[in-house]
């Protein structure tokens, strides 16, 4: 699109030449564009903008480009060796800025709301990140930065590192500030085989929160470790609120991982969830998978949804290639349920309701492992097709009562699922593991993972 030449005159701005890093003093970080004097010279068809305020750095020209963030998307955490100015054209979101980035660690970031018709600047070397937190609208901004193109400044003194979009590794991730969040060691980097087609992406969706991050890490590691084309994996994480420590843990544990995080509005399901015996099933994020097609980008046509209490022991591409036969969803079928325990006595006392299962197998599918055609899901045609049971050896999280543990079925297994209350990391940490927990332990990246696996 055509952009007019704009000249912003920041005539009232005064900057101290002796400041430790360049900043605009005396004005709020986020400002309304209508408060800034401007002249429009009416030149059409040009995408270059000259900002008079840039002379504060002795610059004559700046470079400008348009950035559009889809709902839930974000920039990497990064910093620059020069100032950067953003002009928000539409949408809303959050800016996270750590103002002590010139030190060894960037410190705890401050959160600022950004909105349409606002502008904000990023001082030199301050670690920052921009998020589109509006799940219904794109966030679109003009980015104004010095020429020649920005130089990304790495910090070699930090313990952990992350990967920016341009491939430069930036040392700006700290240990979690939350005392309850585990610390993980960095996973190895897994590379594609020569036969891999880099354009063939496999989209994997999971939920993400502090309570289950201990289980999330082994899922990701096992997928990468057993994949022929690990760099083709594209992860889509759903969370109900922004948790910087959780995000930082993913980035520092898997520096080369390609992923996006999307905000799930918990209000969508509040008031619709029946109380259950398991508190985890009462959490709104547990139902985010139902809204996958509404949250992830429209150009994603198929996804694999996985719970955070499983590991892969086979190449996930085999699951990705499951033939849906024009169905919407493929999931493991489970036909050994005793449905008398699933419904109350009032249900069975109703003669009409009690006939529901007459002549039918008591089967359901486990939603912890699904292959979903999200394009058809969006169109509203809901049907299902069970995949081979090897892709969900589930139920291994059944209560470990009086030493009773479940065993694996004798058929070939590609995915092992600890569905139920009992999670392998809890049993290992309590030194009361089941035999099958041996299979989970090698993928645990928790730094304090020194487990006794004897029963």
Protein backbone atom coordinates (compact mmCIF):
# COMPACT_ATOMS: atom_id res chain seq x y z
CA UNK A 1 0.00 0.00 0.00
CA UNK A 2 1.09 3.56 -0.52
CA UNK A 3 2.41 5.52 2.42
CA UNK A 4 2.76 9.30 2.61
CA UNK A 5 5.96 10.98 3.66
CA UNK A 6 5.68 11.84 7.32
CA UNK A 7 7.93 14.09 9.33
CA UNK A 8 7.54 14.01 13.08
CA UNK A 9 9.01 17.03 14.85
CA UNK A 10 9.88 16.16 18.43
CA UNK A 11 10.86 19.76 19.13
CA UNK A 12 10.14 19.55 22.83
CA UNK A 13 12.28 16.50 23.54
CA UNK A 14 15.46 16.88 25.56
CA UNK A 15 17.90 13.99 25.96
CA UNK A 16 20.84 13.87 28.32
CA UNK A 17 24.10 13.16 26.51
CA UNK A 18 25.51 11.45 29.57
CA UNK A 19 22.70 8.91 30.04
CA UNK A 20 23.77 5.27 30.39
CA UNK A 21 21.45 4.44 27.51
CA UNK A 22 19.46 6.70 25.20
CA UNK A 23 15.93 7.40 26.39
CA UNK A 24 13.37 10.12 26.00
CA UNK A 25 13.03 11.79 29.38
CA UNK A 26 10.06 13.67 30.76
CA UNK A 27 7.48 11.89 28.58
CA UNK A 28 5.54 8.66 29.12
CA UNK A 29 6.84 5.57 27.37
CA UNK A 30 3.60 5.06 25.42
CA UNK A 31 2.14 8.22 23.83
CA UNK A 32 -0.90 9.05 21.73
CA UNK A 33 -0.04 10.01 18.15
CA UNK A 34 -2.49 12.89 18.30
CA UNK A 35 -0.26 14.50 20.95
CA UNK A 36 2.75 14.63 18.58
CA UNK A 37 3.01 17.51 16.06
CA UNK A 38 3.29 16.23 12.50
CA UNK A 39 3.26 17.43 8.91
CA UNK A 40 2.00 15.47 5.94
CA UNK A 41 3.70 16.35 2.65
CA UNK A 42 1.26 14.27 0.62
CA UNK A 43 3.86 12.19 -1.23
CA UNK A 44 2.26 8.95 -2.32
CA UNK A 45 3.83 5.59 -3.18
CA UNK A 46 6.80 5.78 -0.81
CA UNK A 47 7.46 3.48 2.12
CA UNK A 48 10.36 5.47 3.57
CA UNK A 49 9.80 7.85 6.45
CA UNK A 50 12.13 10.52 7.82
CA UNK A 51 11.73 11.26 11.51
CA UNK A 52 13.12 14.56 12.71
CA UNK A 53 13.52 13.13 16.19
CA UNK A 54 16.18 10.79 14.86
CA UNK A 55 18.71 13.64 14.87
CA UNK A 56 18.95 12.96 18.59
CA UNK A 57 21.27 10.14 17.53
CA UNK A 58 22.95 12.17 14.79
CA UNK A 59 21.09 10.17 12.14
CA UNK A 60 19.93 11.56 8.82
CA UNK A 61 17.69 8.69 7.77
CA UNK A 62 15.74 5.90 9.34
CA UNK A 63 14.25 2.76 7.93
CA UNK A 64 10.56 1.92 8.24
CA UNK A 65 8.60 -1.24 7.63
CA UNK A 66 5.14 -2.53 8.35
CA UNK A 67 4.64 -5.33 10.87
CA UNK A 68 1.38 -7.24 11.27
CA UNK A 69 0.87 -9.63 14.19
CA UNK A 70 -1.90 -12.21 14.02
CA UNK A 71 -3.82 -12.82 17.28
CA UNK A 72 -1.54 -14.38 19.89
CA UNK A 73 1.69 -13.88 17.92
CA UNK A 74 4.73 -11.97 19.15
CA UNK A 75 8.29 -10.90 18.50
CA UNK A 76 11.18 -12.84 20.03
CA UNK A 77 12.76 -11.37 23.14
CA UNK A 78 15.57 -9.24 21.75
CA UNK A 79 17.48 -5.93 21.95
CA UNK A 80 19.14 -3.47 19.59
CA UNK A 81 22.20 -1.21 19.51
CA UNK A 82 20.05 1.79 18.54
CA UNK A 83 16.66 3.24 19.37
CA UNK A 84 13.48 1.96 17.80
CA UNK A 85 10.10 3.68 17.48
CA UNK A 86 6.76 1.96 16.92
CA UNK A 87 3.54 3.52 15.64
CA UNK A 88 0.46 1.38 16.31
CA UNK A 89 -1.94 1.59 13.36
CA UNK A 90 -4.59 -0.83 14.60
CA UNK A 91 -5.19 -3.45 17.25
CA UNK A 92 -3.91 -3.71 20.80
CA UNK A 93 -1.39 -5.69 22.81
CA UNK A 94 1.37 -5.56 25.39
CA UNK A 95 4.95 -4.34 25.42
CA UNK A 96 7.33 -6.09 27.83
CA UNK A 97 10.42 -3.99 28.51
CA UNK A 98 13.37 -4.80 30.79
CA UNK A 99 15.08 -1.48 31.39
CA UNK A 100 18.27 -2.84 32.99
CA UNK A 101 19.49 -4.77 29.95
CA UNK A 102 22.92 -3.14 30.06
CA UNK A 103 23.55 -5.19 33.18
CA UNK A 104 24.38 -8.92 33.32
CA UNK A 105 20.68 -9.84 33.35
CA UNK A 106 17.79 -7.82 31.96
CA UNK A 107 15.81 -7.85 35.19
CA UNK A 108 12.06 -8.24 35.59
CA UNK A 109 10.25 -6.72 32.60
CA UNK A 110 7.57 -4.07 32.99
CA UNK A 111 4.29 -4.48 31.14
CA UNK A 112 2.77 -1.66 29.08
CA UNK A 113 -0.51 -1.67 27.19
CA UNK A 114 -0.31 -0.52 23.58
CA UNK A 115 -3.29 0.48 21.48
CA UNK A 116 -4.35 1.89 18.13
CA UNK A 117 -3.09 5.46 17.58
CA UNK A 118 -0.33 5.07 20.18
CA UNK A 119 3.42 5.19 19.75
CA UNK A 120 6.27 3.94 21.91
CA UNK A 121 10.05 3.82 21.77
CA UNK A 122 12.63 1.23 22.82
CA UNK A 123 15.86 2.60 24.36
CA UNK A 124 19.26 1.28 23.32
CA UNK A 125 20.07 -2.24 24.55
CA UNK A 126 16.82 -2.68 26.48
CA UNK A 127 15.45 -6.23 26.14
CA UNK A 128 11.89 -6.16 24.89
CA UNK A 129 9.06 -8.13 23.36
CA UNK A 130 5.76 -7.16 21.72
CA UNK A 131 2.65 -9.37 21.97
CA UNK A 132 -0.71 -9.20 20.24
CA UNK A 133 -2.97 -10.13 23.15
CA UNK A 134 -6.18 -9.41 21.23
CA UNK A 135 -7.46 -12.76 19.97
CA UNK A 136 -9.97 -11.15 17.58
CA UNK A 137 -7.87 -8.58 15.68
CA UNK A 138 -4.47 -8.18 14.05
CA UNK A 139 -1.95 -5.81 15.65
CA UNK A 140 -0.38 -3.65 12.94
CA UNK A 141 2.50 -1.24 13.47
CA UNK A 142 5.01 0.88 11.62
CA UNK A 143 8.52 0.15 12.88
CA UNK A 144 10.95 3.05 12.63
CA UNK A 145 14.63 2.28 13.12
CA UNK A 146 18.01 3.67 12.12
CA UNK A 147 19.89 2.97 8.92
CA UNK A 148 22.01 0.99 8.24
CA UNK A 149 19.82 -1.92 9.39
CA UNK A 150 19.79 -2.57 13.11
CA UNK A 151 22.60 -4.50 14.71
CA UNK A 152 21.46 -7.07 17.28
CA UNK A 153 23.59 -6.92 20.39
CA UNK A 154 24.35 -10.30 22.00
CA UNK A 155 25.29 -10.68 25.65
CA UNK A 156 27.80 -13.47 26.27
CA UNK A 157 27.72 -13.32 30.06
CA UNK A 158 24.28 -14.85 30.59
CA UNK A 159 23.77 -18.45 31.56
CA UNK A 160 20.90 -19.17 29.17
CA UNK A 161 20.29 -18.08 25.60
CA UNK A 162 17.42 -17.80 23.16
CA UNK A 163 17.20 -17.58 19.40
CA UNK A 164 15.92 -14.46 17.69
CA UNK A 165 14.14 -14.48 14.35
CA UNK A 166 17.36 -13.64 12.51
CA UNK A 167 19.24 -16.57 14.02
CA UNK A 168 21.48 -14.56 16.35
CA UNK A 169 21.64 -16.10 19.80
CA UNK A 170 20.87 -13.56 22.51
CA UNK A 171 21.83 -14.12 26.13
CA UNK A 172 18.92 -12.49 27.89
CA UNK A 173 17.07 -15.32 29.60
CA UNK A 174 17.41 -15.68 33.37
CA UNK A 175 16.49 -18.39 35.80
CA UNK A 176 12.77 -18.28 36.61
CA UNK A 177 11.75 -15.73 39.23
CA UNK A 178 8.93 -18.01 40.39
CA UNK A 179 10.22 -20.32 43.15
CA UNK A 180 7.76 -23.03 42.07
CA UNK A 181 8.83 -23.20 38.43
CA UNK A 182 11.35 -26.00 37.70
CA UNK A 183 14.70 -25.21 36.09
CA UNK A 184 15.55 -27.31 33.04
CA UNK A 185 18.79 -28.09 31.30
CA UNK A 186 19.18 -27.16 27.64
CA UNK A 187 18.15 -29.88 25.19
CA UNK A 188 20.44 -30.95 22.34
CA UNK A 189 19.92 -29.39 18.93
CA UNK A 190 18.33 -31.85 16.50
CA UNK A 191 18.84 -31.30 12.77
CA UNK A 192 17.00 -32.47 9.65
CA UNK A 193 18.19 -35.40 7.59
CA UNK A 194 19.32 -34.60 4.05
CA UNK A 195 16.12 -36.07 2.66
CA UNK A 196 13.86 -33.62 4.52
CA UNK A 197 11.75 -31.09 2.67
CA UNK A 198 12.00 -27.93 4.79
CA UNK A 199 8.67 -26.64 3.48
CA UNK A 200 6.81 -29.67 4.85
CA UNK A 201 5.73 -28.42 8.26
CA UNK A 202 4.16 -30.56 10.96
CA UNK A 203 1.96 -28.49 13.26
CA UNK A 204 1.75 -29.64 16.88
CA UNK A 205 -0.51 -28.00 19.44
CA UNK A 206 -0.31 -28.24 23.22
CA UNK A 207 -1.42 -26.22 26.21
CA UNK A 208 1.19 -24.44 28.28
CA UNK A 209 1.19 -23.47 31.94
CA UNK A 210 3.44 -23.56 34.97
CA UNK A 211 1.62 -26.52 36.55
CA UNK A 212 2.34 -28.90 33.67
CA UNK A 213 5.58 -27.53 32.21
CA UNK A 214 7.46 -30.43 33.83
CA UNK A 215 5.51 -32.73 31.51
CA UNK A 216 5.61 -30.45 28.47
CA UNK A 217 9.40 -30.57 28.16
CA UNK A 218 9.65 -34.38 27.70
CA UNK A 219 6.89 -34.30 25.08
CA UNK A 220 8.81 -31.78 22.98
CA UNK A 221 12.13 -33.56 23.50
CA UNK A 222 10.75 -36.98 22.56
CA UNK A 223 9.17 -35.58 19.39
CA UNK A 224 12.42 -33.95 18.27
CA UNK A 225 14.58 -36.92 19.24
CA UNK A 226 12.57 -39.49 17.29
CA UNK A 227 11.83 -37.33 14.26
CA UNK A 228 13.68 -37.68 10.97
CA UNK A 229 12.93 -34.01 10.25
CA UNK A 230 12.89 -32.27 13.66
CA UNK A 231 13.36 -28.80 12.16
CA UNK A 232 10.05 -29.24 10.35
CA UNK A 233 8.17 -29.20 13.65
CA UNK A 234 6.06 -26.10 14.26
CA UNK A 235 4.68 -25.92 17.80
CA UNK A 236 1.57 -23.97 18.74
CA UNK A 237 1.14 -23.50 22.50
CA UNK A 238 -2.09 -22.27 24.10
CA UNK A 239 -2.07 -20.55 27.47
CA UNK A 240 -4.68 -18.72 29.52
CA UNK A 241 -2.41 -15.90 30.66
CA UNK A 242 1.00 -14.49 29.87
CA UNK A 243 3.67 -16.18 32.01
CA UNK A 244 7.09 -14.80 31.15
CA UNK A 245 8.96 -17.42 33.20
CA UNK A 246 7.19 -20.25 31.37
CA UNK A 247 7.94 -18.67 28.01
CA UNK A 248 11.58 -18.14 28.99
CA UNK A 249 11.89 -21.76 30.12
CA UNK A 250 10.76 -23.04 26.73
CA UNK A 251 13.16 -20.71 24.90
CA UNK A 252 16.17 -21.53 27.07
CA UNK A 253 15.51 -25.29 27.08
CA UNK A 254 14.92 -25.49 23.31
CA UNK A 255 16.85 -22.55 21.79
CA UNK A 256 16.22 -23.70 18.22
CA UNK A 257 12.53 -24.58 18.58
CA UNK A 258 10.06 -22.97 16.19
CA UNK A 259 6.90 -22.10 18.12
CA UNK A 260 4.15 -19.58 18.74
CA UNK A 261 2.07 -18.98 21.84
CA UNK A 262 -1.60 -17.99 21.68
CA UNK A 263 -3.82 -16.54 24.37
CA UNK A 264 -6.92 -18.58 25.22
CA UNK A 265 -9.73 -16.54 26.75
CA UNK A 266 -10.86 -18.56 29.76
CA UNK A 267 -14.18 -16.72 29.77
CA UNK A 268 -15.20 -18.83 26.78
CA UNK A 269 -15.75 -21.85 29.01
CA UNK A 270 -16.38 -20.38 32.44
CA UNK A 271 -19.74 -21.48 33.75
CA UNK A 272 -19.81 -24.40 31.30
CA UNK A 273 -17.53 -26.79 33.18
CA UNK A 274 -19.02 -29.44 35.47
CA UNK A 275 -17.08 -30.17 38.62
CA UNK A 276 -15.16 -33.43 38.48
CA UNK A 277 -13.22 -35.65 40.83
CA UNK A 278 -9.97 -34.50 39.21
CA UNK A 279 -9.31 -30.80 39.78
CA UNK A 280 -7.16 -30.63 36.63
CA UNK A 281 -10.25 -31.32 34.52
CA UNK A 282 -11.98 -28.28 36.04
CA UNK A 283 -9.40 -25.86 34.63
CA UNK A 284 -10.53 -23.76 31.61
CA UNK A 285 -7.26 -24.38 29.75
CA UNK A 286 -8.12 -28.08 29.62
CA UNK A 287 -10.88 -27.18 27.15
CA UNK A 288 -8.80 -24.89 24.92
CA UNK A 289 -8.37 -27.75 22.44
CA UNK A 290 -12.02 -27.35 21.46
CA UNK A 291 -11.24 -23.86 20.16
CA UNK A 292 -8.06 -24.74 18.27
CA UNK A 293 -9.49 -23.90 14.86
CA UNK A 294 -10.49 -20.44 16.06
CA UNK A 295 -7.13 -19.62 17.63
CA UNK A 296 -4.35 -20.87 15.38
CA UNK A 297 -3.58 -19.14 12.04
CA UNK A 298 -6.06 -19.72 9.22
CA UNK A 299 -3.35 -21.04 6.90
CA UNK A 300 -2.80 -24.05 9.19
CA UNK A 301 -4.97 -26.85 7.79
CA UNK A 302 -4.06 -29.82 10.02
CA UNK A 303 -2.72 -30.14 13.54
CA UNK A 304 -1.72 -32.83 16.00
CA UNK A 305 -2.97 -32.09 19.50
CA UNK A 306 -1.03 -33.65 22.39
CA UNK A 307 -1.43 -33.66 26.15
CA UNK A 308 1.54 -32.85 28.40
CA UNK A 309 1.75 -36.28 30.05
CA UNK A 310 3.10 -38.45 27.25
CA UNK A 311 6.25 -39.22 25.27
CA UNK A 312 6.81 -40.26 21.66
CA UNK A 313 8.89 -43.36 20.94
CA UNK A 314 8.37 -43.23 17.17
CA UNK A 315 8.53 -40.64 14.38
CA UNK A 316 5.56 -38.32 14.75
CA UNK A 317 5.38 -37.91 10.97
CA UNK A 318 3.73 -41.34 10.84
CA UNK A 319 0.91 -39.97 12.97
CA UNK A 320 0.80 -36.79 10.88
CA UNK A 321 0.26 -38.87 7.73
CA UNK A 322 -2.77 -40.75 9.12
CA UNK A 323 -5.47 -40.86 6.45
CA UNK A 324 -8.51 -39.04 7.82
CA UNK A 325 -10.64 -40.28 4.92
CA UNK A 326 -12.45 -36.92 4.71
CA UNK A 327 -13.20 -37.07 8.43
CA UNK A 328 -12.54 -34.14 10.73
CA UNK A 329 -10.70 -35.88 13.52
CA UNK A 330 -8.72 -39.03 14.27
CA UNK A 331 -8.25 -40.14 17.86
CA UNK A 332 -7.52 -43.36 19.77
CA UNK A 333 -10.67 -45.35 20.50
CA UNK A 334 -11.11 -46.76 23.98
CA UNK A 335 -13.77 -49.45 24.46
CA UNK A 336 -13.00 -50.87 27.90
CA UNK A 337 -14.81 -48.25 29.92
CA UNK A 338 -17.37 -49.10 32.58
CA UNK A 339 -19.93 -46.43 31.81
CA UNK A 340 -21.90 -47.19 34.97
CA UNK A 341 -19.27 -45.13 36.78
CA UNK A 342 -19.49 -42.24 34.32
CA UNK A 343 -23.12 -41.36 35.08
CA UNK A 344 -25.11 -40.86 38.27
CA UNK A 345 -27.85 -43.07 39.64
CA UNK A 346 -30.36 -40.48 38.47
CA UNK A 347 -29.20 -41.08 34.88
CA UNK A 348 -29.64 -44.84 35.08
CA UNK A 349 -32.99 -44.48 36.86
CA UNK A 350 -34.37 -42.69 33.80
CA UNK A 351 -35.58 -45.49 31.50
CA UNK A 352 -35.17 -43.39 28.36
CA UNK A 353 -31.63 -42.33 29.18
CA UNK A 354 -30.66 -45.82 30.34
CA UNK A 355 -31.43 -47.15 26.84
CA UNK A 356 -28.79 -44.86 25.33
CA UNK A 357 -26.18 -47.62 25.24
CA UNK A 358 -28.42 -50.52 24.28
CA UNK A 359 -26.75 -52.50 21.50
CA UNK A 360 -23.78 -50.15 21.41
CA UNK A 361 -20.18 -50.66 22.45
CA UNK A 362 -19.20 -48.49 25.42
CA UNK A 363 -16.52 -46.60 23.49
CA UNK A 364 -15.13 -43.10 23.56
CA UNK A 365 -12.01 -41.43 22.21
CA UNK A 366 -9.19 -39.96 24.23
CA UNK A 367 -8.75 -36.24 23.45
CA UNK A 368 -5.13 -36.22 24.63
CA UNK A 369 -3.92 -37.42 21.21
CA UNK A 370 -5.77 -36.11 18.17
CA UNK A 371 -5.10 -35.46 14.49
CA UNK A 372 -7.47 -32.68 13.47
CA UNK A 373 -8.39 -31.26 10.08
CA UNK A 374 -8.93 -27.75 11.44
CA UNK A 375 -10.17 -26.52 8.09
CA UNK A 376 -13.10 -28.96 8.24
CA UNK A 377 -13.45 -28.26 11.94
CA UNK A 378 -13.95 -24.60 11.08
CA UNK A 379 -16.62 -25.57 8.59
CA UNK A 380 -18.50 -27.35 11.37
CA UNK A 381 -18.54 -30.97 10.10
CA UNK A 382 -17.73 -32.90 13.28
CA UNK A 383 -16.98 -36.56 12.78
CA UNK A 384 -14.27 -38.82 14.18
CA UNK A 385 -12.19 -41.81 13.23
CA UNK A 386 -10.07 -43.80 15.65
CA UNK A 387 -6.39 -44.20 14.90
CA UNK A 388 -4.29 -47.26 15.71
CA UNK A 389 -4.17 -47.86 19.45
CA UNK A 390 -0.37 -47.81 19.31
CA UNK A 391 -0.62 -44.03 19.15
CA UNK A 392 -2.13 -43.80 22.59
CA UNK A 393 -0.98 -46.40 25.10
CA UNK A 394 -2.93 -44.41 27.67
CA UNK A 395 -4.26 -44.93 31.18
CA UNK A 396 -0.76 -45.26 32.66
CA UNK A 397 -1.57 -42.44 35.05
CA UNK A 398 -4.15 -44.57 36.84
CA UNK A 399 -3.96 -44.22 40.60
CA UNK A 400 -0.91 -45.88 42.12
CA UNK A 401 -2.82 -47.30 45.07
CA UNK A 402 -1.11 -49.90 47.23
CA UNK A 403 1.57 -50.41 44.59
CA UNK A 404 -0.88 -51.21 41.79
CA UNK A 405 0.52 -50.03 38.47
CA UNK A 406 -0.72 -50.59 34.94
CA UNK A 407 1.38 -52.39 32.37
CA UNK A 408 1.79 -51.86 28.63
CA UNK A 409 -0.28 -53.85 26.18
CA UNK A 410 1.75 -56.39 24.14
CA UNK A 411 1.25 -54.76 20.73
CA UNK A 412 3.70 -52.29 19.11
CA UNK A 413 3.68 -48.86 20.76
CA UNK A 414 4.51 -45.48 19.23
CA UNK A 415 3.23 -43.13 21.93
CA UNK A 416 2.96 -43.67 25.68
CA UNK A 417 0.32 -41.66 27.53
CA UNK A 418 0.07 -41.28 31.33
CA UNK A 419 -3.59 -40.25 31.31
CA UNK A 420 -5.27 -40.18 34.69
CA UNK A 421 -4.23 -38.75 38.05
CA UNK A 422 -0.84 -40.40 38.41
CA UNK A 423 1.90 -38.50 36.56
CA UNK A 424 5.35 -40.05 36.15
CA UNK A 425 7.25 -37.01 37.45
CA UNK A 426 5.21 -37.04 40.67
CA UNK A 427 5.77 -40.75 41.25
CA UNK A 428 9.47 -40.47 40.43
CA UNK A 429 9.97 -37.50 42.75
CA UNK A 430 8.18 -39.34 45.56
CA UNK A 431 10.39 -42.40 44.89
CA UNK A 432 7.30 -44.56 44.32
CA UNK A 433 7.41 -45.05 40.55
CA UNK A 434 5.66 -47.61 38.42
CA UNK A 435 7.68 -49.73 36.01
CA UNK A 436 6.39 -47.78 33.01
CA UNK A 437 7.83 -44.58 34.50
CA UNK A 438 11.26 -45.89 33.46
CA UNK A 439 10.22 -45.01 29.91
CA UNK A 440 9.43 -41.38 30.76
CA UNK A 441 12.49 -40.62 32.89
CA UNK A 442 15.10 -40.42 30.05
CA UNK A 443 13.20 -37.49 28.51
CA UNK A 444 12.99 -35.49 31.74
CA UNK A 445 15.10 -32.32 31.42
CA UNK A 446 14.48 -31.22 35.00
CA UNK A 447 17.85 -30.28 36.49
CA UNK A 448 17.17 -32.11 39.74
CA UNK A 449 16.23 -35.32 37.96
CA UNK A 450 18.01 -37.93 40.09
CA UNK A 451 15.37 -40.60 40.39
CA UNK A 452 15.28 -43.95 42.08
CA UNK A 453 13.45 -46.24 39.69
CA UNK A 454 13.33 -49.27 41.93
CA UNK A 455 9.94 -50.47 43.04
